[in-house]
Protein backbone atom coordinates (compact mmCIF):
# COMPACT_ATOMS: atom_id res chain seq x y z
CA UNK A 1 5.20 17.04 -0.75
CA UNK A 2 3.75 17.32 2.75
CA UNK A 3 5.94 17.39 5.81
CA UNK A 4 5.95 14.56 8.31
CA UNK A 5 4.03 15.18 11.52
CA UNK A 6 6.07 16.54 14.39
CA UNK A 7 7.39 13.99 16.86
CA UNK A 8 5.55 13.78 20.15
CA UNK A 9 6.77 12.04 23.29
CA UNK A 10 4.42 9.28 24.36
CA UNK A 11 4.48 7.01 27.37
CA UNK A 12 5.63 3.43 26.94
CA UNK A 13 2.18 2.24 27.94
CA UNK A 14 0.53 4.34 25.23
CA UNK A 15 3.04 3.23 22.57
CA UNK A 16 2.54 -0.44 23.47
CA UNK A 17 -1.24 -0.04 23.36
CA UNK A 18 -0.97 1.48 19.89
CA UNK A 19 1.39 -1.32 18.79
CA UNK A 20 -0.95 -4.03 20.13
CA UNK A 21 -3.94 -2.43 18.38
CA UNK A 22 -2.05 -2.26 15.08
CA UNK A 23 -0.87 -5.88 15.40
CA UNK A 24 -4.47 -7.03 15.93
CA UNK A 25 -5.64 -5.07 12.86
CA UNK A 26 -2.77 -6.47 10.78
CA UNK A 27 -3.60 -10.05 11.78
CA UNK A 28 -7.21 -9.57 10.68
CA UNK A 29 -6.13 -8.02 7.37
CA UNK A 30 -3.62 -10.83 6.67
CA UNK A 31 -6.17 -13.52 7.52
CA UNK A 32 -8.63 -11.96 5.06
CA UNK A 33 -6.04 -11.49 2.30
CA UNK A 34 -6.16 -13.89 -0.63
CA UNK A 35 -3.25 -14.91 -2.81
CA UNK A 36 -4.65 -12.58 -5.46
CA UNK A 37 -4.56 -9.67 -2.97
CA UNK A 38 -0.86 -10.30 -2.35
CA UNK A 39 0.07 -10.91 -5.99
CA UNK A 40 -0.16 -7.25 -6.97
CA UNK A 41 2.46 -4.56 -7.00
CA UNK A 42 3.07 -2.20 -4.09
CA UNK A 43 5.04 1.00 -4.46
CA UNK A 44 6.88 3.15 -1.95
CA UNK A 45 6.51 6.73 -3.08
CA UNK A 46 7.75 10.14 -2.05
CA UNK A 47 5.21 12.54 -3.44
CA UNK A 48 4.91 11.67 -7.13
CA UNK A 49 8.29 9.91 -7.25
CA UNK A 50 8.24 6.09 -7.05
CA UNK A 51 11.17 4.92 -4.91
CA UNK A 52 10.61 1.18 -5.34
CA UNK A 53 7.98 -1.32 -6.42
CA UNK A 54 7.63 -4.92 -5.21
CA UNK A 55 4.96 -7.58 -4.95
CA UNK A 56 2.77 -7.07 -1.90
CA UNK A 57 3.63 -10.58 -0.68
CA UNK A 58 7.33 -9.68 -0.68
CA UNK A 59 6.70 -6.45 1.24
CA UNK A 60 4.67 -8.31 3.88
CA UNK A 61 7.33 -11.04 4.23
CA UNK A 62 10.21 -8.56 4.47
CA UNK A 63 8.36 -6.42 7.01
CA UNK A 64 7.61 -9.39 9.27
CA UNK A 65 11.19 -10.69 8.93
CA UNK A 66 12.58 -7.26 9.80
CA UNK A 67 10.35 -6.99 12.90
CA UNK A 68 11.45 -10.44 14.07
CA UNK A 69 15.11 -9.63 13.40
CA UNK A 70 15.08 -6.36 15.31
CA UNK A 71 13.04 -7.83 18.17
CA UNK A 72 15.66 -10.57 18.49
CA UNK A 73 18.42 -7.96 18.56
CA UNK A 74 16.79 -6.41 21.62
CA UNK A 75 16.95 -9.70 23.51
CA UNK A 76 20.66 -10.34 22.96
């Protein structure tokens, strides 16, 4: 198993630019995705060990819900 990259301090501006770029790429990917693309399994792994497997559509929905939830927490 490979080690995670070392943490590096980045400016807020640089982190937001990276976030915005990734959001734009995700929107394009989701717009292109068909139901068939999302109706396949997705697995979270650690090396060769499978930690969990879910439908891709469920992973996408849970990820978006989690982002919305935690963004809302920051505004309270």
